[in-house]
């Protein structure tokens, strides 16, 4: 009888430990939208001290246009940059003054362990994208003309915790202007669940039963 009880309690103990192990490694999945109308995007457009509509001259490529803004705003691509003076982005392009008109956008977000990420960007004319201050080569376009959209797998640029995606978009002199983008980030996050009192009690009983069995064997 005692031996059967010991076996039963031992099995219950094992089951409880298995449940506890499973509970401690439960994972939640999440997604962050990077679509242009998803919210959280801010732009230097309409922020008085950051207005990009200045005459920079007809620069040869996006790397040099906007130099005045970037000189006055070092670190705009990084997490630590203060963009509180920037305006909420509501879509559309910044009207230029006939010369190049760089536009700057940022979005900060927090995730667990990144599992996937993608981004699509279409700009008339040129664009560059950084994630956590690292340039994404597939989204680097300084062709000086409109040549369609660009897609990229951005998962390798992401990190658990805080992230920032920063865009520089440029319009060449004359013609129309357009910007559109979309994307998403997927992540997983492990949760440590608190063990239930019943499970803890079963573990305790199992340990007691094991002790009783050992004493009987010695006797």
N, C-alpha and C. Protein backbone atom coordinates (compact mmCIF):
# COMPACT_ATOMS: atom_id res chain seq x y z
N UNK A 1 0.83 -1.20 0.00
CA UNK A 1 0.00 0.00 0.00
C UNK A 1 0.87 1.26 0.00
N UNK A 2 1.85 1.23 0.94
CA UNK A 2 2.76 2.39 1.03
C UNK A 2 3.57 2.55 -0.24
N UNK A 3 3.96 1.38 -0.79
CA UNK A 3 4.76 1.42 -2.02
C UNK A 3 3.97 1.99 -3.19
N UNK A 4 2.68 1.60 -3.28
CA UNK A 4 1.82 2.12 -4.36
C UNK A 4 1.61 3.62 -4.20
N UNK A 5 1.39 4.05 -2.94
CA UNK A 5 1.19 5.48 -2.68
C UNK A 5 2.43 6.26 -3.07
N UNK A 6 3.58 5.67 -2.74
CA UNK A 6 4.85 6.34 -3.08
C UNK A 6 4.99 6.50 -4.58
N UNK A 7 4.64 5.43 -5.33
CA UNK A 7 4.72 5.50 -6.78
C UNK A 7 3.78 6.55 -7.35
N UNK A 8 2.53 6.56 -6.79
CA UNK A 8 1.53 7.53 -7.27
C UNK A 8 1.99 8.95 -7.03
N UNK A 9 2.47 9.22 -5.81
CA UNK A 9 2.93 10.57 -5.50
C UNK A 9 4.16 10.94 -6.33
N UNK A 10 5.00 9.92 -6.58
CA UNK A 10 6.18 10.19 -7.41
C UNK A 10 5.80 10.58 -8.82
N UNK A 11 4.78 9.90 -9.38
CA UNK A 11 4.30 10.23 -10.73
C UNK A 11 3.68 11.62 -10.74
N UNK A 12 2.90 11.94 -9.69
CA UNK A 12 2.30 13.27 -9.62
C UNK A 12 3.38 14.34 -9.51
N UNK A 13 4.41 14.04 -8.77
CA UNK A 13 5.53 14.98 -8.63
C UNK A 13 6.18 15.23 -9.99
N UNK A 14 6.41 14.11 -10.73
CA UNK A 14 7.03 14.23 -12.05
C UNK A 14 6.17 15.06 -13.00
N UNK A 15 4.85 14.82 -12.98
CA UNK A 15 3.93 15.58 -13.84
C UNK A 15 3.95 17.05 -13.48
N UNK A 16 3.95 17.33 -12.17
CA UNK A 16 3.95 18.72 -11.73
C UNK A 16 5.21 19.43 -12.17
N UNK A 17 6.36 18.72 -12.04
CA UNK A 17 7.63 19.33 -12.48
C UNK A 17 7.62 19.60 -13.97
N UNK A 18 7.03 18.68 -14.74
CA UNK A 18 6.94 18.86 -16.19
C UNK A 18 6.09 20.07 -16.53
N UNK A 19 4.96 20.22 -15.81
CA UNK A 19 4.09 21.37 -16.05
C UNK A 19 4.80 22.67 -15.69
N UNK A 20 5.54 22.63 -14.59
CA UNK A 20 6.26 23.84 -14.16
C UNK A 20 7.31 24.23 -15.19
N UNK A 21 8.01 23.22 -15.71
CA UNK A 21 9.03 23.51 -16.72
C UNK A 21 8.40 24.11 -17.96
N UNK A 22 7.26 23.55 -18.37
CA UNK A 22 6.57 24.08 -19.54
C UNK A 22 6.07 25.48 -19.31
N UNK A 23 5.57 25.75 -18.10
CA UNK A 23 5.04 27.08 -17.80
C UNK A 23 6.14 28.13 -17.81
N UNK A 24 7.35 27.75 -17.37
CA UNK A 24 8.42 28.74 -17.27
C UNK A 24 8.99 29.12 -18.63
N UNK A 25 8.69 28.31 -19.68
CA UNK A 25 9.24 28.61 -21.00
C UNK A 25 8.15 28.97 -22.01
N UNK A 26 6.96 29.34 -21.52
CA UNK A 26 5.88 29.73 -22.44
C UNK A 26 6.31 30.98 -23.22
N UNK A 27 6.04 31.00 -24.52
CA UNK A 27 6.46 32.11 -25.36
C UNK A 27 5.27 32.82 -25.99
N UNK A 28 5.33 34.14 -26.03
CA UNK A 28 4.32 34.96 -26.69
C UNK A 28 4.92 35.53 -27.97
N UNK A 29 4.11 35.63 -29.00
CA UNK A 29 4.56 36.22 -30.26
C UNK A 29 3.92 37.59 -30.43
N UNK A 30 4.62 38.49 -31.08
CA UNK A 30 4.09 39.83 -31.31
C UNK A 30 4.53 40.37 -32.65
N UNK A 31 3.88 41.44 -33.08
CA UNK A 31 4.20 42.08 -34.36
C UNK A 31 4.14 43.59 -34.20
N UNK A 32 5.07 44.29 -34.84
CA UNK A 32 5.06 45.76 -34.90
C UNK A 32 4.92 46.16 -36.36
N UNK A 33 3.95 47.01 -36.66
CA UNK A 33 3.76 47.47 -38.03
C UNK A 33 4.66 48.67 -38.32
N UNK A 34 5.27 48.65 -39.50
CA UNK A 34 6.09 49.77 -39.96
C UNK A 34 5.43 50.48 -41.14
N UNK A 35 4.14 50.23 -41.35
CA UNK A 35 3.42 50.89 -42.43
C UNK A 35 3.42 52.40 -42.22
N UNK A 36 3.33 53.15 -43.30
CA UNK A 36 3.44 54.60 -43.22
C UNK A 36 2.32 55.24 -42.41
N UNK A 37 1.17 54.56 -42.29
CA UNK A 37 0.05 55.10 -41.52
C UNK A 37 -0.17 54.35 -40.21
N UNK A 38 0.87 53.65 -39.73
CA UNK A 38 0.72 52.82 -38.53
C UNK A 38 0.85 53.61 -37.24
N UNK A 39 1.26 54.87 -37.33
CA UNK A 39 1.47 55.66 -36.12
C UNK A 39 2.89 55.49 -35.59
N UNK A 40 3.34 56.47 -34.84
CA UNK A 40 4.68 56.41 -34.27
C UNK A 40 5.75 57.03 -35.13
N UNK A 41 5.44 57.29 -36.40
CA UNK A 41 6.40 57.95 -37.28
C UNK A 41 6.40 59.45 -37.02
N UNK A 42 7.58 60.03 -37.02
CA UNK A 42 7.70 61.49 -36.93
C UNK A 42 8.59 61.97 -38.06
N UNK A 43 8.37 63.22 -38.47
CA UNK A 43 9.12 63.80 -39.58
C UNK A 43 9.60 65.19 -39.22
N UNK A 44 10.70 65.59 -39.85
CA UNK A 44 11.19 66.96 -39.61
C UNK A 44 10.34 68.00 -40.33
N UNK A 45 9.48 67.57 -41.23
CA UNK A 45 8.63 68.51 -41.95
C UNK A 45 7.66 69.21 -41.01
N UNK A 46 7.54 70.50 -41.12
CA UNK A 46 6.67 71.35 -40.31
C UNK A 46 7.16 71.59 -38.90
N UNK A 47 8.30 71.01 -38.54
CA UNK A 47 8.93 71.40 -37.28
C UNK A 47 9.78 72.61 -37.61
N UNK A 48 9.41 73.76 -37.08
CA UNK A 48 9.94 75.04 -37.52
C UNK A 48 11.45 75.07 -37.66
N UNK A 49 12.15 74.61 -36.64
CA UNK A 49 13.61 74.72 -36.68
C UNK A 49 14.25 73.63 -37.53
N UNK A 50 13.43 72.68 -38.00
CA UNK A 50 13.99 71.56 -38.75
C UNK A 50 13.48 71.50 -40.18
N UNK A 51 12.84 72.55 -40.65
CA UNK A 51 12.24 72.55 -41.98
C UNK A 51 13.32 72.32 -43.04
N UNK A 52 13.18 71.29 -43.89
CA UNK A 52 14.21 70.98 -44.87
C UNK A 52 14.13 71.80 -46.14
N UNK A 53 13.11 72.67 -46.27
CA UNK A 53 12.90 73.34 -47.54
C UNK A 53 13.81 74.55 -47.70
N UNK A 54 15.08 74.27 -47.75
CA UNK A 54 16.09 75.29 -47.98
C UNK A 54 16.79 74.97 -49.29
N UNK A 55 17.41 75.97 -49.88
CA UNK A 55 18.06 75.75 -51.17
C UNK A 55 19.46 75.18 -50.94
N UNK A 56 19.59 73.88 -51.18
CA UNK A 56 20.88 73.23 -51.00
C UNK A 56 21.66 73.16 -52.31
N UNK A 57 21.07 73.62 -53.39
CA UNK A 57 21.73 73.48 -54.68
C UNK A 57 21.43 72.12 -55.28
N UNK A 58 21.75 71.95 -56.52
CA UNK A 58 21.46 70.69 -57.20
C UNK A 58 22.63 69.73 -56.98
N UNK A 59 22.55 69.04 -55.85
CA UNK A 59 23.61 68.12 -55.46
C UNK A 59 23.59 66.88 -56.37
N UNK A 60 24.71 66.21 -56.52
CA UNK A 60 24.77 65.05 -57.42
C UNK A 60 24.06 63.80 -56.88
N UNK A 61 23.89 63.67 -55.58
CA UNK A 61 23.24 62.48 -55.04
C UNK A 61 22.73 62.74 -53.63
N UNK A 62 21.95 61.78 -53.12
CA UNK A 62 21.33 61.95 -51.81
C UNK A 62 22.35 62.01 -50.67
N UNK A 63 23.54 61.44 -50.87
CA UNK A 63 24.53 61.44 -49.80
C UNK A 63 24.96 62.85 -49.41
N UNK A 64 24.91 63.79 -50.36
CA UNK A 64 25.37 65.14 -50.05
C UNK A 64 24.23 66.14 -49.87
N UNK A 65 23.05 65.88 -50.43
CA UNK A 65 21.94 66.82 -50.23
C UNK A 65 21.46 66.73 -48.79
N UNK A 66 21.01 67.87 -48.27
CA UNK A 66 20.56 67.90 -46.88
C UNK A 66 21.70 68.07 -45.90
N UNK A 67 22.87 68.43 -46.36
CA UNK A 67 24.03 68.53 -45.50
C UNK A 67 23.82 69.54 -44.37
N UNK A 68 23.12 70.64 -44.65
CA UNK A 68 22.91 71.67 -43.63
C UNK A 68 22.07 71.12 -42.48
N UNK A 69 21.02 70.37 -42.80
CA UNK A 69 20.18 69.79 -41.76
C UNK A 69 20.96 68.79 -40.92
N UNK A 70 21.70 67.91 -41.59
CA UNK A 70 22.40 66.86 -40.88
C UNK A 70 23.53 67.40 -40.01
N UNK A 71 24.15 68.49 -40.46
CA UNK A 71 25.19 69.11 -39.65
C UNK A 71 24.61 69.69 -38.37
N UNK A 72 23.37 70.18 -38.45
CA UNK A 72 22.72 70.77 -37.29
C UNK A 72 22.03 69.74 -36.40
N UNK A 73 21.90 68.51 -36.90
CA UNK A 73 21.18 67.47 -36.16
C UNK A 73 21.96 66.16 -36.15
N UNK A 74 23.14 66.16 -35.55
CA UNK A 74 23.92 64.92 -35.51
C UNK A 74 23.18 63.85 -34.70
N UNK A 75 23.30 62.63 -35.13
CA UNK A 75 22.68 61.54 -34.39
C UNK A 75 21.21 61.34 -34.66
N UNK A 76 20.68 61.95 -35.71
CA UNK A 76 19.24 61.84 -35.97
C UNK A 76 18.82 60.41 -36.31
N UNK A 77 19.79 59.56 -36.69
CA UNK A 77 19.48 58.17 -37.05
C UNK A 77 19.56 57.23 -35.85
N UNK A 78 19.95 57.72 -34.69
CA UNK A 78 20.22 56.86 -33.54
C UNK A 78 19.07 56.87 -32.54
N UNK A 79 19.10 55.90 -31.62
CA UNK A 79 18.06 55.78 -30.60
C UNK A 79 18.09 56.95 -29.63
N UNK A 80 19.26 57.47 -29.35
CA UNK A 80 19.37 58.51 -28.33
C UNK A 80 18.98 59.91 -28.79
N UNK A 81 18.69 60.08 -30.07
CA UNK A 81 18.38 61.41 -30.59
C UNK A 81 17.02 61.90 -30.09
N UNK A 82 16.95 63.16 -29.70
CA UNK A 82 15.71 63.76 -29.21
C UNK A 82 14.91 64.32 -30.39
N UNK A 83 13.82 63.62 -30.77
CA UNK A 83 13.00 64.08 -31.88
C UNK A 83 11.67 64.67 -31.40
N UNK A 84 11.65 65.18 -30.18
CA UNK A 84 10.41 65.70 -29.61
C UNK A 84 9.87 66.91 -30.38
N UNK A 85 10.73 67.60 -31.12
CA UNK A 85 10.28 68.75 -31.90
C UNK A 85 9.78 68.35 -33.29
N UNK A 86 9.91 67.07 -33.63
CA UNK A 86 9.47 66.61 -34.94
C UNK A 86 7.95 66.45 -34.96
N UNK A 87 7.38 66.50 -36.15
CA UNK A 87 5.93 66.40 -36.30
C UNK A 87 5.51 64.97 -36.61
N UNK A 88 4.28 64.61 -36.21
CA UNK A 88 3.71 63.31 -36.55
C UNK A 88 3.57 63.23 -38.06
N UNK A 89 3.97 62.11 -38.63
CA UNK A 89 3.91 61.95 -40.08
C UNK A 89 2.53 61.47 -40.49
N UNK A 90 1.95 62.13 -41.47
CA UNK A 90 0.59 61.78 -41.91
C UNK A 90 0.56 61.36 -43.38
N UNK A 91 1.72 61.06 -43.96
CA UNK A 91 1.79 60.62 -45.35
C UNK A 91 1.99 61.77 -46.31
N UNK A 92 2.49 61.44 -47.49
CA UNK A 92 2.70 62.48 -48.50
C UNK A 92 4.12 62.99 -48.52
N UNK A 93 4.40 63.77 -49.52
CA UNK A 93 5.75 64.29 -49.72
C UNK A 93 5.86 65.75 -49.33
N UNK A 94 7.05 66.16 -48.97
CA UNK A 94 7.29 67.56 -48.63
C UNK A 94 7.43 68.38 -49.91
N UNK A 95 6.59 69.37 -50.13
CA UNK A 95 6.76 70.22 -51.33
C UNK A 95 8.13 70.89 -51.31
N UNK A 96 8.83 70.81 -52.42
CA UNK A 96 10.16 71.39 -52.48
C UNK A 96 10.13 72.83 -52.99
N UNK A 97 11.30 73.42 -53.09
CA UNK A 97 11.39 74.80 -53.55
C UNK A 97 12.02 74.86 -54.94
N UNK A 98 12.01 73.73 -55.65
CA UNK A 98 12.62 73.69 -56.97
C UNK A 98 13.99 73.06 -56.95
N UNK A 99 14.57 72.94 -55.76
CA UNK A 99 15.85 72.26 -55.64
C UNK A 99 15.60 70.93 -54.93
N UNK A 100 16.66 70.24 -54.56
CA UNK A 100 16.48 69.03 -53.78
C UNK A 100 15.81 69.37 -52.45
N UNK A 101 14.94 68.48 -52.01
CA UNK A 101 14.21 68.72 -50.77
C UNK A 101 14.24 67.46 -49.90
N UNK A 102 15.29 67.24 -49.12
CA UNK A 102 15.37 66.03 -48.31
C UNK A 102 14.29 66.01 -47.23
N UNK A 103 13.79 64.82 -46.95
CA UNK A 103 12.80 64.61 -45.91
C UNK A 103 13.33 63.54 -44.98
N UNK A 104 13.19 63.73 -43.67
CA UNK A 104 13.71 62.80 -42.68
C UNK A 104 12.56 62.27 -41.82
N UNK A 105 12.55 60.94 -41.61
CA UNK A 105 11.50 60.30 -40.82
C UNK A 105 12.13 59.30 -39.86
N UNK A 106 11.46 59.11 -38.71
CA UNK A 106 11.95 58.18 -37.70
C UNK A 106 10.78 57.46 -37.03
N UNK A 107 11.04 56.23 -36.59
CA UNK A 107 10.08 55.52 -35.75
C UNK A 107 10.85 54.65 -34.78
N UNK A 108 10.55 54.78 -33.49
CA UNK A 108 11.17 53.95 -32.46
C UNK A 108 10.16 52.90 -31.99
N UNK A 109 10.66 51.71 -31.67
CA UNK A 109 9.78 50.64 -31.20
C UNK A 109 10.58 49.66 -30.36
N UNK A 110 9.87 48.92 -29.51
CA UNK A 110 10.50 47.96 -28.60
C UNK A 110 9.95 46.57 -28.88
N UNK A 111 10.83 45.58 -28.96
CA UNK A 111 10.41 44.21 -29.26
C UNK A 111 11.14 43.22 -28.36
N UNK A 112 10.67 41.96 -28.40
CA UNK A 112 11.38 40.87 -27.74
C UNK A 112 12.46 40.35 -28.68
N UNK A 113 12.64 39.06 -28.74
CA UNK A 113 13.64 38.48 -29.64
C UNK A 113 13.12 38.52 -31.08
N UNK A 114 13.79 39.25 -31.98
CA UNK A 114 13.28 39.36 -33.36
C UNK A 114 13.32 38.03 -34.09
N UNK A 115 12.24 37.73 -34.81
CA UNK A 115 12.18 36.49 -35.60
C UNK A 115 12.06 36.76 -37.10
N UNK A 116 11.55 37.91 -37.48
CA UNK A 116 11.42 38.25 -38.90
C UNK A 116 11.19 39.75 -39.03
N UNK A 117 11.51 40.29 -40.21
CA UNK A 117 11.28 41.70 -40.47
C UNK A 117 11.41 42.00 -41.95
N UNK A 118 10.54 42.85 -42.46
CA UNK A 118 10.60 43.23 -43.88
C UNK A 118 10.20 44.69 -44.02
N UNK A 119 10.71 45.31 -45.08
CA UNK A 119 10.39 46.73 -45.31
C UNK A 119 10.39 47.00 -46.81
N UNK A 120 9.40 47.79 -47.25
CA UNK A 120 9.27 48.19 -48.65
C UNK A 120 9.21 49.71 -48.71
N UNK A 121 9.98 50.29 -49.62
CA UNK A 121 10.04 51.75 -49.73
C UNK A 121 10.05 52.15 -51.19
N UNK A 122 9.23 53.15 -51.50
CA UNK A 122 9.17 53.69 -52.86
C UNK A 122 9.22 55.21 -52.76
N UNK A 123 10.23 55.78 -53.39
CA UNK A 123 10.45 57.24 -53.29
C UNK A 123 10.74 57.81 -54.67
N UNK A 124 10.17 58.95 -54.94
CA UNK A 124 10.52 59.75 -56.10
C UNK A 124 11.26 60.98 -55.55
N UNK A 125 12.64 60.88 -55.49
CA UNK A 125 13.45 60.04 -56.32
C UNK A 125 14.36 59.07 -55.52
N UNK A 126 15.10 59.54 -54.54
CA UNK A 126 16.15 58.76 -53.91
C UNK A 126 15.84 58.51 -52.42
N UNK A 127 16.52 57.49 -51.86
CA UNK A 127 16.25 57.17 -50.46
C UNK A 127 17.40 56.42 -49.81
N UNK A 128 17.47 56.51 -48.50
CA UNK A 128 18.37 55.72 -47.68
C UNK A 128 17.62 55.35 -46.40
N UNK A 129 17.89 54.16 -45.87
CA UNK A 129 17.23 53.70 -44.66
C UNK A 129 18.27 53.12 -43.71
N UNK A 130 18.17 53.50 -42.44
CA UNK A 130 19.03 52.96 -41.40
C UNK A 130 18.17 52.30 -40.33
N UNK A 131 18.64 51.19 -39.80
CA UNK A 131 18.02 50.57 -38.63
C UNK A 131 19.08 50.47 -37.55
N UNK A 132 18.81 51.12 -36.42
CA UNK A 132 19.78 51.19 -35.33
C UNK A 132 21.12 51.74 -35.83
N UNK A 133 21.01 52.75 -36.70
CA UNK A 133 22.15 53.49 -37.24
C UNK A 133 23.02 52.66 -38.19
N UNK A 134 22.47 51.57 -38.72
CA UNK A 134 23.18 50.76 -39.71
C UNK A 134 22.43 50.87 -41.04
N UNK A 135 23.14 51.26 -42.09
CA UNK A 135 22.53 51.43 -43.40
C UNK A 135 22.05 50.08 -43.95
N UNK A 136 20.83 50.05 -44.50
CA UNK A 136 20.29 48.85 -45.14
C UNK A 136 20.60 48.96 -46.63
N UNK A 137 21.57 48.21 -47.14
CA UNK A 137 22.02 48.38 -48.53
C UNK A 137 20.92 48.22 -49.57
N UNK A 138 20.01 47.27 -49.36
CA UNK A 138 18.96 47.00 -50.36
C UNK A 138 17.99 48.18 -50.52
N UNK A 139 17.98 49.10 -49.56
CA UNK A 139 17.07 50.24 -49.61
C UNK A 139 17.82 51.54 -49.92
N UNK A 140 19.06 51.43 -50.31
CA UNK A 140 19.90 52.59 -50.63
C UNK A 140 19.76 52.90 -52.12
N UNK A 141 19.08 53.99 -52.44
CA UNK A 141 18.84 54.37 -53.84
C UNK A 141 19.26 55.81 -54.05
N UNK A 142 20.32 56.02 -54.81
CA UNK A 142 20.73 57.38 -55.15
C UNK A 142 20.95 57.46 -56.67
N UNK A 143 19.95 56.94 -57.38
CA UNK A 143 20.03 56.91 -58.84
C UNK A 143 19.73 58.27 -59.47
N UNK A 144 19.25 59.20 -58.64
CA UNK A 144 18.94 60.54 -59.12
C UNK A 144 17.71 60.56 -60.03
N UNK A 145 16.91 59.48 -59.97
CA UNK A 145 15.68 59.43 -60.75
C UNK A 145 14.77 58.36 -60.14
N UNK A 146 13.51 58.38 -60.52
CA UNK A 146 12.57 57.39 -60.00
C UNK A 146 12.79 56.05 -60.69
N UNK A 147 12.98 54.99 -59.90
CA UNK A 147 13.18 53.67 -60.50
C UNK A 147 12.41 52.59 -59.73
N UNK A 148 11.24 52.93 -59.24
CA UNK A 148 10.38 51.96 -58.58
C UNK A 148 10.69 51.77 -57.11
N UNK A 149 10.07 50.74 -56.52
CA UNK A 149 10.23 50.48 -55.10
C UNK A 149 11.35 49.49 -54.80
N UNK A 150 11.71 49.41 -53.53
CA UNK A 150 12.77 48.52 -53.08
C UNK A 150 12.30 47.77 -51.83
N UNK A 151 12.61 46.47 -51.77
CA UNK A 151 12.23 45.63 -50.64
C UNK A 151 13.48 45.09 -49.97
N UNK A 152 13.37 44.82 -48.66
CA UNK A 152 14.52 44.28 -47.94
C UNK A 152 14.06 43.43 -46.76
N UNK A 153 14.82 42.37 -46.51
CA UNK A 153 14.68 41.59 -45.28
C UNK A 153 15.51 42.33 -44.23
N UNK A 154 14.87 42.85 -43.19
CA UNK A 154 15.57 43.66 -42.19
C UNK A 154 15.79 42.92 -40.88
N UNK A 155 15.52 41.62 -40.86
CA UNK A 155 15.60 40.88 -39.60
C UNK A 155 16.99 40.93 -38.96
N UNK A 156 18.04 40.90 -39.78
CA UNK A 156 19.39 40.89 -39.23
C UNK A 156 19.81 42.23 -38.64
N UNK A 157 19.06 43.28 -38.90
CA UNK A 157 19.38 44.62 -38.38
C UNK A 157 18.68 44.90 -37.05
N UNK A 158 17.77 44.03 -36.65
CA UNK A 158 16.96 44.24 -35.45
C UNK A 158 17.65 43.67 -34.22
N UNK A 159 17.20 44.13 -33.06
CA UNK A 159 17.75 43.65 -31.80
C UNK A 159 16.64 43.58 -30.76
N UNK A 160 16.79 42.69 -29.78
CA UNK A 160 15.83 42.63 -28.68
C UNK A 160 15.94 43.91 -27.87
N UNK A 161 14.80 44.50 -27.53
CA UNK A 161 14.80 45.77 -26.81
C UNK A 161 14.40 46.92 -27.70
N UNK A 162 15.06 48.06 -27.54
CA UNK A 162 14.70 49.26 -28.29
C UNK A 162 15.34 49.27 -29.68
N UNK A 163 14.57 49.73 -30.67
CA UNK A 163 15.04 49.85 -32.05
C UNK A 163 14.56 51.17 -32.64
N UNK A 164 15.24 51.62 -33.68
CA UNK A 164 14.79 52.80 -34.41
C UNK A 164 15.04 52.58 -35.90
N UNK A 165 14.07 52.95 -36.72
CA UNK A 165 14.24 52.95 -38.17
C UNK A 165 14.20 54.39 -38.63
N UNK A 166 15.17 54.80 -39.44
CA UNK A 166 15.29 56.18 -39.89
C UNK A 166 15.37 56.22 -41.40
N UNK A 167 14.62 57.13 -42.00
CA UNK A 167 14.55 57.25 -43.47
C UNK A 167 14.96 58.64 -43.91
N UNK A 168 15.79 58.68 -44.96
CA UNK A 168 16.08 59.94 -45.64
C UNK A 168 15.56 59.79 -47.06
N UNK A 169 14.63 60.66 -47.45
CA UNK A 169 14.05 60.61 -48.79
C UNK A 169 14.33 61.92 -49.50
N UNK A 170 14.54 61.85 -50.80
CA UNK A 170 15.01 63.01 -51.54
C UNK A 170 14.26 63.17 -52.86
N UNK A 171 13.98 64.40 -53.24
CA UNK A 171 13.34 64.69 -54.52
C UNK A 171 14.30 65.50 -55.39
N UNK A 172 14.46 65.07 -56.63
CA UNK A 172 15.30 65.84 -57.54
C UNK A 172 14.55 67.08 -58.03
N UNK A 173 15.27 68.07 -58.51
CA UNK A 173 14.62 69.30 -58.96
C UNK A 173 13.58 69.04 -60.06
N UNK A 174 12.43 69.65 -59.92
CA UNK A 174 11.37 69.55 -60.93
C UNK A 174 10.63 68.23 -60.86
N UNK A 175 9.52 68.14 -61.59
CA UNK A 175 8.75 66.90 -61.64
C UNK A 175 7.92 66.67 -60.39
N UNK A 176 7.32 65.49 -60.32
CA UNK A 176 6.50 65.15 -59.16
C UNK A 176 7.33 64.61 -58.02
N UNK A 177 6.67 64.37 -56.90
CA UNK A 177 7.36 63.79 -55.76
C UNK A 177 6.40 62.88 -55.01
N UNK A 178 6.95 61.78 -54.47
CA UNK A 178 6.11 60.78 -53.84
C UNK A 178 6.95 59.96 -52.86
N UNK A 179 6.31 59.54 -51.76
CA UNK A 179 6.94 58.59 -50.85
C UNK A 179 5.86 57.64 -50.34
N UNK A 180 6.18 56.36 -50.29
CA UNK A 180 5.28 55.36 -49.75
C UNK A 180 6.09 54.21 -49.17
N UNK A 181 5.68 53.67 -48.03
CA UNK A 181 6.43 52.57 -47.44
C UNK A 181 5.54 51.71 -46.56
N UNK A 182 5.97 50.48 -46.37
CA UNK A 182 5.24 49.53 -45.53
C UNK A 182 6.23 48.50 -44.99
N UNK A 183 5.82 47.80 -43.96
CA UNK A 183 6.70 46.77 -43.40
C UNK A 183 6.18 46.28 -42.07
N UNK A 184 6.85 45.28 -41.53
CA UNK A 184 6.46 44.73 -40.24
C UNK A 184 7.64 44.01 -39.61
N UNK A 185 7.56 43.86 -38.29
CA UNK A 185 8.58 43.16 -37.51
C UNK A 185 7.87 42.15 -36.62
N UNK A 186 8.34 40.91 -36.62
CA UNK A 186 7.78 39.87 -35.76
C UNK A 186 8.81 39.51 -34.69
N UNK A 187 8.32 39.16 -33.51
CA UNK A 187 9.22 38.82 -32.42
C UNK A 187 8.56 37.83 -31.47
N UNK A 188 9.39 37.17 -30.67
CA UNK A 188 8.89 36.26 -29.63
C UNK A 188 9.39 36.75 -28.28
N UNK A 189 8.66 36.41 -27.25
CA UNK A 189 9.01 36.87 -25.92
C UNK A 189 8.64 35.80 -24.91
N UNK A 190 9.61 35.31 -24.15
CA UNK A 190 9.35 34.26 -23.18
C UNK A 190 8.79 34.85 -21.89
N UNK A 191 7.84 34.13 -21.30
CA UNK A 191 7.23 34.55 -20.05
C UNK A 191 7.56 33.55 -18.95
N UNK A 192 7.87 34.04 -17.77
CA UNK A 192 8.06 33.17 -16.61
C UNK A 192 6.80 33.18 -15.78
N UNK A 193 5.99 32.13 -15.92
CA UNK A 193 4.74 32.05 -15.19
C UNK A 193 4.97 31.63 -13.74
N UNK A 194 4.17 32.16 -12.82
CA UNK A 194 4.27 31.81 -11.41
C UNK A 194 3.63 30.44 -11.20
N UNK A 195 4.34 29.47 -10.56
CA UNK A 195 3.76 28.14 -10.36
C UNK A 195 2.50 28.19 -9.50
N UNK A 196 1.52 27.34 -9.79
CA UNK A 196 0.30 27.28 -9.01
C UNK A 196 0.56 26.59 -7.69
N UNK A 197 -0.14 26.97 -6.59
CA UNK A 197 0.05 26.35 -5.27
C UNK A 197 -0.16 24.84 -5.30
N UNK A 198 -1.14 24.35 -6.10
CA UNK A 198 -1.41 22.92 -6.17
C UNK A 198 -0.20 22.17 -6.72
N UNK A 199 0.43 22.73 -7.76
CA UNK A 199 1.60 22.08 -8.35
C UNK A 199 2.74 22.02 -7.35
N UNK A 200 2.94 23.11 -6.60
CA UNK A 200 3.99 23.14 -5.58
C UNK A 200 3.71 22.11 -4.49
N UNK A 201 2.45 21.96 -4.11
CA UNK A 201 2.07 20.99 -3.08
C UNK A 201 2.37 19.57 -3.54
N UNK A 202 2.06 19.27 -4.81
CA UNK A 202 2.34 17.94 -5.35
C UNK A 202 3.83 17.65 -5.35
N UNK A 203 4.62 18.65 -5.69
CA UNK A 203 6.07 18.47 -5.66
C UNK A 203 6.52 18.14 -4.25
N UNK A 204 6.00 18.89 -3.28
CA UNK A 204 6.36 18.65 -1.88
C UNK A 204 5.98 17.26 -1.42
N UNK A 205 4.76 16.81 -1.74
CA UNK A 205 4.31 15.48 -1.36
C UNK A 205 5.18 14.40 -1.99
N UNK A 206 5.55 14.62 -3.24
CA UNK A 206 6.40 13.65 -3.92
C UNK A 206 7.74 13.50 -3.25
N UNK A 207 8.31 14.62 -2.82
CA UNK A 207 9.60 14.59 -2.14
C UNK A 207 9.49 13.89 -0.80
N UNK A 208 8.40 14.17 -0.07
CA UNK A 208 8.18 13.50 1.22
C UNK A 208 8.04 12.00 1.02
N UNK A 209 7.25 11.59 0.02
CA UNK A 209 7.05 10.17 -0.26
C UNK A 209 8.37 9.49 -0.59
N UNK A 210 9.20 10.17 -1.35
CA UNK A 210 10.50 9.60 -1.71
C UNK A 210 11.35 9.39 -0.46
N UNK A 211 11.27 10.33 0.48
CA UNK A 211 12.02 10.20 1.74
C UNK A 211 11.53 9.04 2.57
N UNK A 212 10.22 8.85 2.65
CA UNK A 212 9.63 7.74 3.41
C UNK A 212 10.08 6.41 2.82
N UNK A 213 10.06 6.31 1.51
CA UNK A 213 10.44 5.07 0.84
C UNK A 213 11.89 4.71 1.14
N UNK A 214 12.75 5.70 1.16
CA UNK A 214 14.16 5.45 1.42
C UNK A 214 14.37 4.94 2.84
N UNK A 215 13.64 5.56 3.80
CA UNK A 215 13.77 5.12 5.21
C UNK A 215 13.31 3.69 5.37
N UNK A 216 12.22 3.30 4.68
CA UNK A 216 11.71 1.92 4.79
C UNK A 216 12.70 0.95 4.22
N UNK A 217 13.37 1.36 3.11
CA UNK A 217 14.35 0.46 2.50
C UNK A 217 15.53 0.24 3.44
N UNK A 218 15.92 1.29 4.14
CA UNK A 218 17.04 1.16 5.08
C UNK A 218 16.66 0.30 6.28
N UNK A 219 15.37 0.43 6.72
CA UNK A 219 14.91 -0.35 7.88
C UNK A 219 14.86 -1.82 7.54
